[in-house]
Amino acid sequence: INVDRKSLVTASSEYLYPTYKTEKISPEQINRTVRKAAE
């Protein structure tokens, strides 16, 4: 919240998880993240 998120272009988003391009992460991206970490 206080460091990494603030470095994003979308840091002004009200959402906890903005991405580099969007105001908030998608459910599909969450699942890809979990699947990739397990891999």
PDB file of all heavy atoms in Angstrom:
ATOM      1  N   ILE A   1       0.826  -1.215   0.000  1.00  0.00           N
ATOM      2  CA  ILE A   1       0.000   0.000   0.000  1.00  0.00           C
ATOM      3  C   ILE A   1       0.858   1.261   0.000  1.00  0.00           C
ATOM      4  O   ILE A   1       0.575   2.214  -0.736  1.00  0.00           O
ATOM      5  CB  ILE A   1      -0.964   0.001   1.207  1.00  0.00           C
ATOM      6  CG1 ILE A   1      -2.031  -1.087   1.020  1.00  0.00           C
ATOM      7  CG2 ILE A   1      -1.630   1.370   1.379  1.00  0.00           C
ATOM      8  CD1 ILE A   1      -2.930  -1.305   2.234  1.00  0.00           C
ATOM      9  N   ASN A   2       1.913   1.271   0.803  1.00  0.00           N
ATOM     10  CA  ASN A   2       2.675   2.511   1.011  1.00  0.00           C
ATOM     11  C   ASN A   2       3.889   2.700   0.119  1.00  0.00           C
ATOM     12  O   ASN A   2       4.427   3.797   0.057  1.00  0.00           O
ATOM     13  CB  ASN A   2       3.111   2.602   2.480  1.00  0.00           C
ATOM     14  CG  ASN A   2       1.911   2.646   3.396  1.00  0.00           C
ATOM     15  OD1 ASN A   2       0.965   3.387   3.166  1.00  0.00           O
ATOM     16  ND2 ASN A   2       1.941   1.824   4.434  1.00  0.00           N
ATOM     17  N   VAL A   3       4.319   1.633  -0.562  1.00  0.00           N
ATOM     18  CA  VAL A   3       5.520   1.763  -1.391  1.00  0.00           C
ATOM     19  C   VAL A   3       5.256   1.286  -2.824  1.00  0.00           C
ATOM     20  O   VAL A   3       5.148   2.098  -3.743  1.00  0.00           O
ATOM     21  CB  VAL A   3       6.715   0.990  -0.779  1.00  0.00           C
ATOM     22  CG1 VAL A   3       7.955   1.125  -1.648  1.00  0.00           C
ATOM     23  CG2 VAL A   3       6.991   1.461   0.645  1.00  0.00           C
ATOM     24  N   ASP A   4       5.154  -0.031  -3.011  1.00  0.00           N
ATOM     25  CA  ASP A   4       5.093  -0.599  -4.358  1.00  0.00           C
ATOM     26  C   ASP A   4       3.889  -0.113  -5.163  1.00  0.00           C
ATOM     27  O   ASP A   4       4.010   0.248  -6.330  1.00  0.00           O
ATOM     28  CB  ASP A   4       5.081  -2.129  -4.292  1.00  0.00           C
ATOM     29  CG  ASP A   4       6.386  -2.694  -3.781  1.00  0.00           C
ATOM     30  OD1 ASP A   4       7.023  -2.044  -2.928  1.00  0.00           O
ATOM     31  OD2 ASP A   4       6.774  -3.788  -4.211  1.00  0.00           O
ATOM     32  N   ARG A   5       2.734  -0.088  -4.558  1.00  0.00           N
ATOM     33  CA  ARG A   5       1.502   0.326  -5.242  1.00  0.00           C
ATOM     34  C   ARG A   5       1.606   1.773  -5.712  1.00  0.00           C
ATOM     35  O   ARG A   5       1.120   2.135  -6.770  1.00  0.00           O
ATOM     36  CB  ARG A   5       0.320   0.147  -4.279  1.00  0.00           C
ATOM     37  CG  ARG A   5      -1.017   0.376  -4.897  1.00  0.00           C
ATOM     38  CD  ARG A   5      -2.107   0.282  -3.823  1.00  0.00           C
ATOM     39  NE  ARG A   5      -3.387   0.612  -4.398  1.00  0.00           N
ATOM     40  CZ  ARG A   5      -3.758   1.850  -4.717  1.00  0.00           C
ATOM     41  NH1 ARG A   5      -2.956   2.868  -4.495  1.00  0.00           N
ATOM     42  NH2 ARG A   5      -4.935   2.067  -5.261  1.00  0.00           N
ATOM     43  N   LYS A   6       2.258   2.604  -4.905  1.00  0.00           N
ATOM     44  CA  LYS A   6       2.383   4.034  -5.227  1.00  0.00           C
ATOM     45  C   LYS A   6       3.256   4.296  -6.451  1.00  0.00           C
ATOM     46  O   LYS A   6       3.211   5.374  -7.025  1.00  0.00           O
ATOM     47  CB  LYS A   6       2.917   4.804  -4.019  1.00  0.00           C
ATOM     48  CG  LYS A   6       1.891   4.943  -2.924  1.00  0.00           C
ATOM     49  CD  LYS A   6       2.400   5.786  -1.777  1.00  0.00           C
ATOM     50  CE  LYS A   6       1.281   5.967  -0.757  1.00  0.00           C
ATOM     51  NZ  LYS A   6       1.706   6.818   0.350  1.00  0.00           N
ATOM     52  N   SER A   7       4.046   3.308  -6.848  1.00  0.00           N
ATOM     53  CA  SER A   7       4.915   3.491  -8.007  1.00  0.00           C
ATOM     54  C   SER A   7       4.191   3.215  -9.333  1.00  0.00           C
ATOM     55  O   SER A   7       4.753   3.436 -10.404  1.00  0.00           O
ATOM     56  CB  SER A   7       6.149   2.598  -7.887  1.00  0.00           C
ATOM     57  OG  SER A   7       5.786   1.238  -8.013  1.00  0.00           O
ATOM     58  N   LEU A   8       2.952   2.735  -9.253  1.00  0.00           N
ATOM     59  CA  LEU A   8       2.189   2.438 -10.471  1.00  0.00           C
ATOM     60  C   LEU A   8       1.616   3.707 -11.084  1.00  0.00           C
ATOM     61  O   LEU A   8       1.261   4.650 -10.369  1.00  0.00           O
ATOM     62  CB  LEU A   8       1.035   1.479 -10.154  1.00  0.00           C
ATOM     63  CG  LEU A   8       1.395   0.094  -9.621  1.00  0.00           C
ATOM     64  CD1 LEU A   8       0.140  -0.657  -9.202  1.00  0.00           C
ATOM     65  CD2 LEU A   8       2.168  -0.690 -10.667  1.00  0.00           C
ATOM     66  N   VAL A   9       1.484   3.710 -12.390  1.00  0.00           N
ATOM     67  CA  VAL A   9       0.836   4.826 -13.088  1.00  0.00           C
ATOM     68  C   VAL A   9      -0.604   4.969 -12.612  1.00  0.00           C
ATOM     69  O   VAL A   9      -1.140   6.070 -12.550  1.00  0.00           O
ATOM     70  CB  VAL A   9       0.877   4.580 -14.626  1.00  0.00           C
ATOM     71  CG1 VAL A   9       0.085   5.625 -15.372  1.00  0.00           C
ATOM     72  CG2 VAL A   9       2.310   4.506 -15.100  1.00  0.00           C
ATOM     73  N   THR A  10      -1.205   3.859 -12.220  1.00  0.00           N
ATOM     74  CA  THR A  10      -2.613   3.832 -11.789  1.00  0.00           C
ATOM     75  C   THR A  10      -2.743   3.940 -10.263  1.00  0.00           C
ATOM     76  O   THR A  10      -3.783   3.587  -9.703  1.00  0.00           O
ATOM     77  CB  THR A  10      -3.275   2.529 -12.266  1.00  0.00           C
ATOM     78  OG1 THR A  10      -2.489   1.426 -11.800  1.00  0.00           O
ATOM     79  CG2 THR A  10      -3.392   2.479 -13.775  1.00  0.00           C
ATOM     80  N   ALA A  11      -1.736   4.458  -9.591  1.00  0.00           N
ATOM     81  CA  ALA A  11      -1.727   4.532  -8.126  1.00  0.00           C
ATOM     82  C   ALA A  11      -2.877   5.346  -7.550  1.00  0.00           C
ATOM     83  O   ALA A  11      -3.247   5.170  -6.397  1.00  0.00           O
ATOM     84  CB  ALA A  11      -0.400   5.092  -7.629  1.00  0.00           C
ATOM     85  N   SER A  12      -3.480   6.203  -8.332  1.00  0.00           N
ATOM     86  CA  SER A  12      -4.610   7.005  -7.841  1.00  0.00           C
ATOM     87  C   SER A  12      -5.906   6.195  -7.768  1.00  0.00           C
ATOM     88  O   SER A  12      -6.914   6.675  -7.249  1.00  0.00           O
ATOM     89  CB  SER A  12      -4.824   8.229  -8.733  1.00  0.00           C
ATOM     90  OG  SER A  12      -5.157   7.809 -10.048  1.00  0.00           O
ATOM     91  N   SER A  13      -5.880   4.960  -8.234  1.00  0.00           N
ATOM     92  CA  SER A  13      -7.055   4.094  -8.169  1.00  0.00           C
ATOM     93  C   SER A  13      -7.478   3.901  -6.720  1.00  0.00           C
ATOM     94  O   SER A  13      -6.659   3.833  -5.813  1.00  0.00           O
ATOM     95  CB  SER A  13      -6.728   2.732  -8.782  1.00  0.00           C
ATOM     96  OG  SER A  13      -7.739   1.796  -8.486  1.00  0.00           O
ATOM     97  N   GLU A  14      -8.773   3.783  -6.503  1.00  0.00           N
ATOM     98  CA  GLU A  14      -9.289   3.527  -5.154  1.00  0.00           C
ATOM     99  C   GLU A  14      -9.168   2.058  -4.761  1.00  0.00           C
ATOM    100  O   GLU A  14      -9.363   1.704  -3.607  1.00  0.00           O
ATOM    101  CB  GLU A  14     -10.749   3.976  -5.055  1.00  0.00           C
ATOM    102  CG  GLU A  14     -11.692   3.171  -5.955  1.00  0.00           C
ATOM    103  CD  GLU A  14     -13.135   3.662  -5.908  1.00  0.00           C
ATOM    104  OE1 GLU A  14     -13.651   3.906  -4.812  1.00  0.00           O
ATOM    105  OE2 GLU A  14     -13.725   3.791  -6.995  1.00  0.00           O
ATOM    106  N   TYR A  15      -8.848   1.191  -5.716  1.00  0.00           N
ATOM    107  CA  TYR A  15      -8.802  -0.251  -5.466  1.00  0.00           C
ATOM    108  C   TYR A  15      -7.452  -0.684  -4.904  1.00  0.00           C
ATOM    109  O   TYR A  15      -6.419  -0.098  -5.207  1.00  0.00           O
ATOM    110  CB  TYR A  15      -9.109  -1.026  -6.751  1.00  0.00           C
ATOM    111  CG  TYR A  15     -10.530  -0.825  -7.191  1.00  0.00           C
ATOM    112  CD1 TYR A  15     -10.854   0.130  -8.143  1.00  0.00           C
ATOM    113  CD2 TYR A  15     -11.565  -1.560  -6.624  1.00  0.00           C
ATOM    114  CE1 TYR A  15     -12.171   0.343  -8.524  1.00  0.00           C
ATOM    115  CE2 TYR A  15     -12.878  -1.357  -6.992  1.00  0.00           C
ATOM    116  CZ  TYR A  15     -13.179  -0.397  -7.948  1.00  0.00           C
ATOM    117  OH  TYR A  15     -14.473  -0.189  -8.303  1.00  0.00           O
ATOM    118  N   LEU A  16      -7.481  -1.744  -4.110  1.00  0.00           N
ATOM    119  CA  LEU A  16      -6.263  -2.279  -3.509  1.00  0.00           C
ATOM    120  C   LEU A  16      -5.280  -2.755  -4.571  1.00  0.00           C
ATOM    121  O   LEU A  16      -4.076  -2.563  -4.437  1.00  0.00           O
ATOM    122  CB  LEU A  16      -6.612  -3.446  -2.560  1.00  0.00           C
ATOM    123  CG  LEU A  16      -5.439  -4.187  -1.925  1.00  0.00           C
ATOM    124  CD1 LEU A  16      -4.585  -3.238  -1.069  1.00  0.00           C
ATOM    125  CD2 LEU A  16      -5.937  -5.364  -1.087  1.00  0.00           C
ATOM    126  N   TYR A  17      -5.799  -3.380  -5.627  1.00  0.00           N
ATOM    127  CA  TYR A  17      -4.926  -3.958  -6.641  1.00  0.00           C
ATOM    128  C   TYR A  17      -5.147  -3.346  -8.018  1.00  0.00           C
ATOM    129  O   TYR A  17      -5.742  -3.971  -8.892  1.00  0.00           O
ATOM    130  CB  TYR A  17      -5.138  -5.472  -6.726  1.00  0.00           C
ATOM    131  CG  TYR A  17      -4.684  -6.218  -5.507  1.00  0.00           C
ATOM    132  CD1 TYR A  17      -5.595  -6.870  -4.687  1.00  0.00           C
ATOM    133  CD2 TYR A  17      -3.336  -6.278  -5.172  1.00  0.00           C
ATOM    134  CE1 TYR A  17      -5.175  -7.567  -3.564  1.00  0.00           C
ATOM    135  CE2 TYR A  17      -2.915  -6.976  -4.047  1.00  0.00           C
ATOM    136  CZ  TYR A  17      -3.833  -7.608  -3.254  1.00  0.00           C
ATOM    137  OH  TYR A  17      -3.421  -8.296  -2.151  1.00  0.00           O
ATOM    138  N   PRO A  18      -4.628  -2.129  -8.245  1.00  0.00           N
ATOM    139  CA  PRO A  18      -4.615  -1.658  -9.630  1.00  0.00           C
ATOM    140  C   PRO A  18      -3.507  -2.403 -10.373  1.00  0.00           C
ATOM    141  O   PRO A  18      -2.646  -3.023  -9.743  1.00  0.00           O
ATOM    142  CB  PRO A  18      -4.281  -0.169  -9.496  1.00  0.00           C
ATOM    143  CG  PRO A  18      -3.510  -0.071  -8.220  1.00  0.00           C
ATOM    144  CD  PRO A  18      -4.054  -1.169  -7.327  1.00  0.00           C
ATOM    145  N   THR A  19      -3.568  -2.373 -11.680  1.00  0.00           N
ATOM    146  CA  THR A  19      -2.488  -2.980 -12.470  1.00  0.00           C
ATOM    147  C   THR A  19      -1.711  -1.854 -13.139  1.00  0.00           C
ATOM    148  O   THR A  19      -2.011  -0.681 -12.947  1.00  0.00           O
ATOM    149  CB  THR A  19      -3.051  -3.936 -13.545  1.00  0.00           C
ATOM    150  OG1 THR A  19      -3.741  -3.167 -14.528  1.00  0.00           O
ATOM    151  CG2 THR A  19      -3.987  -4.969 -12.924  1.00  0.00           C
ATOM    152  N   TYR A  20      -0.758  -2.206 -13.957  1.00  0.00           N
ATOM    153  CA  TYR A  20       0.004  -1.182 -14.672  1.00  0.00           C
ATOM    154  C   TYR A  20      -0.880  -0.391 -15.631  1.00  0.00           C
ATOM    155  O   TYR A  20      -0.592   0.751 -15.941  1.00  0.00           O
ATOM    156  CB  TYR A  20       1.156  -1.824 -15.459  1.00  0.00           C
ATOM    157  CG  TYR A  20       2.219  -2.413 -14.581  1.00  0.00           C
ATOM    158  CD1 TYR A  20       2.449  -3.784 -14.568  1.00  0.00           C
ATOM    159  CD2 TYR A  20       2.997  -1.613 -13.756  1.00  0.00           C
ATOM    160  CE1 TYR A  20       3.430  -4.329 -13.757  1.00  0.00           C
ATOM    161  CE2 TYR A  20       3.974  -2.146 -12.944  1.00  0.00           C
ATOM    162  CZ  TYR A  20       4.190  -3.513 -12.955  1.00  0.00           C
ATOM    163  OH  TYR A  20       5.151  -4.049 -12.145  1.00  0.00           O
ATOM    164  N   LYS A  21      -1.981  -1.022 -16.080  1.00  0.00           N
ATOM    165  CA  LYS A  21      -2.812  -0.391 -17.104  1.00  0.00           C
ATOM    166  C   LYS A  21      -4.243  -0.092 -16.674  1.00  0.00           C
ATOM    167  O   LYS A  21      -4.913   0.699 -17.312  1.00  0.00           O
ATOM    168  CB  LYS A  21      -2.875  -1.286 -18.349  1.00  0.00           C
ATOM    169  CG  LYS A  21      -1.526  -1.504 -19.009  1.00  0.00           C
ATOM    170  CD  LYS A  21      -1.659  -2.413 -20.194  1.00  0.00           C
ATOM    171  CE  LYS A  21      -0.291  -2.681 -20.812  1.00  0.00           C
ATOM    172  NZ  LYS A  21      -0.375  -3.607 -21.929  1.00  0.00           N
ATOM    173  N   THR A  22      -4.735  -0.758 -15.626  1.00  0.00           N
ATOM    174  CA  THR A  22      -6.145  -0.611 -15.270  1.00  0.00           C
ATOM    175  C   THR A  22      -6.327  -0.227 -13.796  1.00  0.00           C
ATOM    176  O   THR A  22      -5.437  -0.426 -12.979  1.00  0.00           O
ATOM    177  CB  THR A  22      -6.921  -1.925 -15.528  1.00  0.00           C
ATOM    178  OG1 THR A  22      -6.374  -2.955 -14.696  1.00  0.00           O
ATOM    179  CG2 THR A  22      -6.833  -2.346 -16.989  1.00  0.00           C
ATOM    180  N   GLU A  23      -7.501   0.292 -13.501  1.00  0.00           N
ATOM    181  CA  GLU A  23      -7.843   0.728 -12.153  1.00  0.00           C
ATOM    182  C   GLU A  23      -7.886  -0.416 -11.152  1.00  0.00           C
ATOM    183  O   GLU A  23      -7.676  -0.207  -9.960  1.00  0.00           O
ATOM    184  CB  GLU A  23      -9.214   1.424 -12.158  1.00  0.00           C
ATOM    185  CG  GLU A  23      -9.220   2.743 -12.902  1.00  0.00           C
ATOM    186  CD  GLU A  23      -8.418   3.809 -12.166  1.00  0.00           C
ATOM    187  OE1 GLU A  23      -8.698   4.051 -10.978  1.00  0.00           O
ATOM    188  OE2 GLU A  23      -7.502   4.372 -12.782  1.00  0.00           O
ATOM    189  N   LYS A  24      -8.227  -1.629 -11.628  1.00  0.00           N
ATOM    190  CA  LYS A  24      -8.258  -2.781 -10.728  1.00  0.00           C
ATOM    191  C   LYS A  24      -7.939  -4.048 -11.505  1.00  0.00           C
ATOM    192  O   LYS A  24      -8.205  -4.160 -12.695  1.00  0.00           O
ATOM    193  CB  LYS A  24      -9.605  -2.906 -10.017  1.00  0.00           C
ATOM    194  CG  LYS A  24     -10.772  -3.207 -10.917  1.00  0.00           C
ATOM    195  CD  LYS A  24     -12.052  -3.330 -10.106  1.00  0.00           C
ATOM    196  CE  LYS A  24     -13.225  -3.579 -11.019  1.00  0.00           C
ATOM    197  NZ  LYS A  24     -14.445  -3.787 -10.268  1.00  0.00           N
ATOM    198  N   ILE A  25      -7.386  -4.989 -10.775  1.00  0.00           N
ATOM    199  CA  ILE A  25      -7.028  -6.289 -11.342  1.00  0.00           C
ATOM    200  C   ILE A  25      -8.309  -7.067 -11.648  1.00  0.00           C
ATOM    201  O   ILE A  25      -9.337  -6.860 -11.009  1.00  0.00           O
ATOM    202  CB  ILE A  25      -6.113  -7.050 -10.353  1.00  0.00           C
ATOM    203  CG1 ILE A  25      -5.391  -8.203 -11.038  1.00  0.00           C
ATOM    204  CG2 ILE A  25      -6.884  -7.496  -9.124  1.00  0.00           C
ATOM    205  CD1 ILE A  25      -4.264  -8.795 -10.195  1.00  0.00           C
ATOM    206  N   SER A  26      -8.255  -7.961 -12.609  1.00  0.00           N
ATOM    207  CA  SER A  26      -9.430  -8.768 -12.966  1.00  0.00           C
ATOM    208  C   SER A  26      -9.408 -10.104 -12.227  1.00  0.00           C
ATOM    209  O   SER A  26      -8.335 -10.578 -11.823  1.00  0.00           O
ATOM    210  CB  SER A  26      -9.445  -9.039 -14.476  1.00  0.00           C
ATOM    211  OG  SER A  26      -8.404  -9.939 -14.817  1.00  0.00           O
ATOM    212  N   PRO A  27     -10.578 -10.732 -12.064  1.00  0.00           N
ATOM    213  CA  PRO A  27     -10.600 -12.063 -11.452  1.00  0.00           C
ATOM    214  C   PRO A  27      -9.748 -13.074 -12.223  1.00  0.00           C
ATOM    215  O   PRO A  27      -9.100 -13.938 -11.623  1.00  0.00           O
ATOM    216  CB  PRO A  27     -12.081 -12.451 -11.496  1.00  0.00           C
ATOM    217  CG  PRO A  27     -12.812 -11.149 -11.502  1.00  0.00           C
ATOM    218  CD  PRO A  27     -11.932 -10.219 -12.302  1.00  0.00           C
ATOM    219  N   GLU A  28      -9.715 -12.940 -13.537  1.00  0.00           N
ATOM    220  CA  GLU A  28      -8.917 -13.855 -14.358  1.00  0.00           C
ATOM    221  C   GLU A  28      -7.432 -13.689 -14.066  1.00  0.00           C
ATOM    222  O   GLU A  28      -6.683 -14.664 -14.018  1.00  0.00           O
ATOM    223  CB  GLU A  28      -9.192 -13.622 -15.854  1.00  0.00           C
ATOM    224  CG  GLU A  28     -10.597 -13.965 -16.285  1.00  0.00           C
ATOM    225  CD  GLU A  28     -11.649 -12.909 -15.888  1.00  0.00           C
ATOM    226  OE1 GLU A  28     -11.288 -11.734 -15.616  1.00  0.00           O
ATOM    227  OE2 GLU A  28     -12.832 -13.277 -15.821  1.00  0.00           O
ATOM    228  N   GLN A  29      -6.988 -12.432 -13.880  1.00  0.00           N
ATOM    229  CA  GLN A  29      -5.585 -12.180 -13.564  1.00  0.00           C
ATOM    230  C   GLN A  29      -5.224 -12.744 -12.190  1.00  0.00           C
ATOM    231  O   GLN A  29      -4.138 -13.286 -11.991  1.00  0.00           O
ATOM    232  CB  GLN A  29      -5.266 -10.687 -13.617  1.00  0.00           C
ATOM    233  CG  GLN A  29      -3.814 -10.351 -13.311  1.00  0.00           C
ATOM    234  CD  GLN A  29      -2.839 -10.959 -14.297  1.00  0.00           C
ATOM    235  OE1 GLN A  29      -3.084 -10.984 -15.493  1.00  0.00           O
ATOM    236  NE2 GLN A  29      -1.724 -11.475 -13.807  1.00  0.00           N
ATOM    237  N   ILE A  30      -6.161 -12.658 -11.259  1.00  0.00           N
ATOM    238  CA  ILE A  30      -5.932 -13.257  -9.931  1.00  0.00           C
ATOM    239  C   ILE A  30      -5.690 -14.759 -10.095  1.00  0.00           C
ATOM    240  O   ILE A  30      -4.741 -15.311  -9.535  1.00  0.00           O
ATOM    241  CB  ILE A  30      -7.155 -13.013  -9.010  1.00  0.00           C
ATOM    242  CG1 ILE A  30      -7.370 -11.531  -8.777  1.00  0.00           C
ATOM    243  CG2 ILE A  30      -7.040 -13.824  -7.717  1.00  0.00           C
ATOM    244  CD1 ILE A  30      -6.816 -10.923  -7.552  1.00  0.00           C
ATOM    245  N   ASN A  31      -6.549 -15.406 -10.878  1.00  0.00           N
ATOM    246  CA  ASN A  31      -6.393 -16.857 -11.059  1.00  0.00           C
ATOM    247  C   ASN A  31      -5.087 -17.185 -11.775  1.00  0.00           C
ATOM    248  O   ASN A  31      -4.395 -18.133 -11.404  1.00  0.00           O
ATOM    249  CB  ASN A  31      -7.596 -17.443 -11.805  1.00  0.00           C
ATOM    250  CG  ASN A  31      -7.956 -18.809 -11.278  1.00  0.00           C
ATOM    251  OD1 ASN A  31      -7.812 -19.092 -10.094  1.00  0.00           O
ATOM    252  ND2 ASN A  31      -8.425 -19.667 -12.154  1.00  0.00           N
ATOM    253  N   ARG A  32      -4.725 -16.401 -12.784  1.00  0.00           N
ATOM    254  CA  ARG A  32      -3.445 -16.640 -13.478  1.00  0.00           C
ATOM    255  C   ARG A  32      -2.279 -16.489 -12.507  1.00  0.00           C
ATOM    256  O   ARG A  32      -1.315 -17.259 -12.559  1.00  0.00           O
ATOM    257  CB  ARG A  32      -3.285 -15.681 -14.663  1.00  0.00           C
ATOM    258  CG  ARG A  32      -4.080 -16.086 -15.887  1.00  0.00           C
ATOM    259  CD  ARG A  32      -3.672 -15.305 -17.131  1.00  0.00           C
ATOM    260  NE  ARG A  32      -3.871 -13.872 -17.007  1.00  0.00           N
ATOM    261  CZ  ARG A  32      -4.987 -13.217 -17.331  1.00  0.00           C
ATOM    262  NH1 ARG A  32      -6.031 -13.875 -17.803  1.00  0.00           N
ATOM    263  NH2 ARG A  32      -5.062 -11.906 -17.197  1.00  0.00           N
ATOM    264  N   THR A  33      -2.372 -15.522 -11.620  1.00  0.00           N
ATOM    265  CA  THR A  33      -1.316 -15.291 -10.633  1.00  0.00           C
ATOM    266  C   THR A  33      -1.153 -16.505  -9.726  1.00  0.00           C
ATOM    267  O   THR A  33      -0.031 -16.962  -9.477  1.00  0.00           O
ATOM    268  CB  THR A  33      -1.645 -14.033  -9.796  1.00  0.00           C
ATOM    269  OG1 THR A  33      -1.672 -12.909 -10.675  1.00  0.00           O
ATOM    270  CG2 THR A  33      -0.630 -13.802  -8.698  1.00  0.00           C
ATOM    271  N   VAL A  34      -2.259 -17.036  -9.238  1.00  0.00           N
ATOM    272  CA  VAL A  34      -2.218 -18.203  -8.348  1.00  0.00           C
ATOM    273  C   VAL A  34      -1.678 -19.419  -9.098  1.00  0.00           C
ATOM    274  O   VAL A  34      -0.809 -20.140  -8.589  1.00  0.00           O
ATOM    275  CB  VAL A  34      -3.616 -18.497  -7.760  1.00  0.00           C
ATOM    276  CG1 VAL A  34      -3.640 -19.821  -7.017  1.00  0.00           C
ATOM    277  CG2 VAL A  34      -4.059 -17.361  -6.848  1.00  0.00           C
ATOM    278  N   ARG A  35      -2.186 -19.627 -10.291  1.00  0.00           N
ATOM    279  CA  ARG A  35      -1.754 -20.793 -11.072  1.00  0.00           C
ATOM    280  C   ARG A  35      -0.257 -20.728 -11.380  1.00  0.00           C
ATOM    281  O   ARG A  35       0.455 -21.725 -11.254  1.00  0.00           O
ATOM    282  CB  ARG A  35      -2.569 -20.896 -12.359  1.00  0.00           C
ATOM    283  CG  ARG A  35      -4.022 -21.261 -12.103  1.00  0.00           C
ATOM    284  CD  ARG A  35      -4.864 -21.103 -13.322  1.00  0.00           C
ATOM    285  NE  ARG A  35      -4.581 -22.179 -14.266  1.00  0.00           N
ATOM    286  CZ  ARG A  35      -5.447 -22.631 -15.140  1.00  0.00           C
ATOM    287  NH1 ARG A  35      -6.663 -22.127 -15.215  1.00  0.00           N
ATOM    288  NH2 ARG A  35      -5.121 -23.600 -15.959  1.00  0.00           N
ATOM    289  N   LYS A  36       0.220 -19.554 -11.761  1.00  0.00           N
ATOM    290  CA  LYS A  36       1.632 -19.384 -12.109  1.00  0.00           C
ATOM    291  C   LYS A  36       2.520 -19.569 -10.875  1.00  0.00           C
ATOM    292  O   LYS A  36       3.577 -20.201 -10.953  1.00  0.00           O
ATOM    293  CB  LYS A  36       1.851 -17.998 -12.726  1.00  0.00           C
ATOM    294  CG  LYS A  36       3.255 -17.762 -13.220  1.00  0.00           C
ATOM    295  CD  LYS A  36       3.584 -18.635 -14.390  1.00  0.00           C
ATOM    296  CE  LYS A  36       4.951 -18.282 -14.944  1.00  0.00           C
ATOM    297  NZ  LYS A  36       5.425 -19.266 -15.887  1.00  0.00           N
ATOM    298  N   ALA A  37       2.089 -19.052  -9.737  1.00  0.00           N
ATOM    299  CA  ALA A  37       2.871 -19.219  -8.509  1.00  0.00           C
ATOM    300  C   ALA A  37       2.971 -20.699  -8.142  1.00  0.00           C
ATOM    301  O   ALA A  37       4.036 -21.169  -7.719  1.00  0.00           O
ATOM    302  CB  ALA A  37       2.239 -18.423  -7.369  1.00  0.00           C
ATOM    303  N   ALA A  38       1.871 -21.436  -8.307  1.00  0.00           N
ATOM    304  CA  ALA A  38       1.889 -22.875  -8.021  1.00  0.00           C
ATOM    305  C   ALA A  38       2.835 -23.599  -8.980  1.00  0.00           C
ATOM    306  O   ALA A  38       3.569 -24.503  -8.578  1.00  0.00           O
ATOM    307  CB  ALA A  38       0.478 -23.449  -8.115  1.00  0.00           C
ATOM    308  N   GLU A  39       2.832 -23.190 -10.241  1.00  0.00           N
ATOM    309  CA  GLU A  39       3.766 -23.761 -11.226  1.00  0.00           C
ATOM    310  C   GLU A  39       5.203 -23.501 -10.807  1.00  0.00           C
ATOM    311  O   GLU A  39       6.036 -24.401 -10.798  1.00  0.00           O
ATOM    312  CB  GLU A  39       3.543 -23.120 -12.600  1.00  0.00           C
ATOM    313  CG  GLU A  39       2.578 -23.821 -13.483  1.00  0.00           C
ATOM    314  CD  GLU A  39       2.417 -23.069 -14.809  1.00  0.00           C
ATOM    315  OE1 GLU A  39       3.428 -22.584 -15.371  1.00  0.00           O
ATOM    316  OE2 GLU A  39       1.266 -22.969 -15.255  1.00  0.00           O
TER     317      GLU A  39
END
